[in-house]
Amino acid sequence: MVSILFFIKRRKLLKDGTAPIYIRVTVYKLSSEFATGKSVNPAHWLAMKGRVKGNTLYK
């Protein structure tokens, strides 16, 4: 079984006030987590859906 989860690290805000987006991939109870290289304003992040509000391009 494979699970993919997108999330932001609110405690690791960048200098411009945005939070980096991370991805966690889990395969048979073994997980790996890494940064996507993108960031988003924490106010625009929908945690329940694991995505950004709207369709505007963010950093």
Protein backbone atom coordinates (compact mmCIF):
# COMPACT_ATOMS: atom_id res chain seq x y z
CA MET A 1 0.00 0.00 0.00
CA VAL A 2 1.26 3.48 -0.91
CA SER A 3 0.26 6.75 0.77
CA ILE A 4 1.27 10.27 -0.33
CA LEU A 5 0.71 13.27 1.94
CA PHE A 6 1.48 16.95 1.28
CA PHE A 7 1.90 19.23 4.29
CA ILE A 8 3.60 22.47 5.36
CA LYS A 9 6.00 23.05 8.21
CA ARG A 10 4.59 26.07 10.00
CA ARG A 11 7.47 26.11 12.49
CA LYS A 12 10.05 26.51 9.69
CA LEU A 13 8.83 29.78 8.14
CA LEU A 14 11.08 31.29 5.52
CA LYS A 15 12.31 34.91 5.62
CA ASP A 16 9.43 36.05 3.40
CA GLY A 17 6.85 34.57 5.81
CA THR A 18 5.93 31.56 3.70
CA ALA A 19 6.03 27.94 4.85
CA PRO A 20 7.82 25.22 2.86
CA ILE A 21 5.69 22.44 1.37
CA TYR A 22 6.81 18.90 2.20
CA ILE A 23 5.74 15.51 0.91
CA ARG A 24 5.63 12.25 2.85
CA VAL A 25 5.56 8.98 0.93
CA THR A 26 4.70 5.83 2.87
CA VAL A 27 5.11 2.35 1.39
CA TYR A 28 4.35 -0.69 3.55
CA LYS A 29 4.77 1.29 6.81
CA LEU A 30 8.15 2.74 5.74
CA SER A 31 7.99 6.49 5.23
CA SER A 32 10.24 9.11 3.71
CA GLU A 33 9.76 12.86 3.92
CA PHE A 34 11.34 15.61 1.81
CA ALA A 35 10.83 19.21 0.69
CA THR A 36 9.22 20.00 -2.66
CA GLY A 37 11.15 23.24 -3.12
CA LYS A 38 7.91 25.25 -3.10
CA SER A 39 6.46 27.44 -0.36
CA VAL A 40 3.07 28.95 0.41
CA ASN A 41 1.49 31.50 2.70
CA PRO A 42 0.22 29.46 5.69
CA ALA A 43 -3.13 31.29 5.57
CA HIS A 44 -3.78 29.79 2.10
CA TRP A 45 -3.04 26.16 3.07
CA LEU A 46 -5.95 23.72 3.50
CA ALA A 47 -4.60 21.08 5.89
CA MET A 48 -7.57 18.73 5.56
CA LYS A 49 -7.16 18.57 1.77
CA GLY A 50 -3.35 18.84 1.70
CA ARG A 51 -3.37 21.63 -0.86
CA VAL A 52 -3.53 25.38 -1.41
CA LYS A 53 -6.76 27.37 -1.59
CA GLY A 54 -7.68 28.60 -5.06
CA ASN A 55 -5.73 28.27 -8.28
CA THR A 56 -3.30 31.21 -8.14
CA LEU A 57 0.38 30.44 -8.72
CA TYR A 58 2.42 30.62 -5.49
CA LYS A 59 6.17 30.42 -4.91
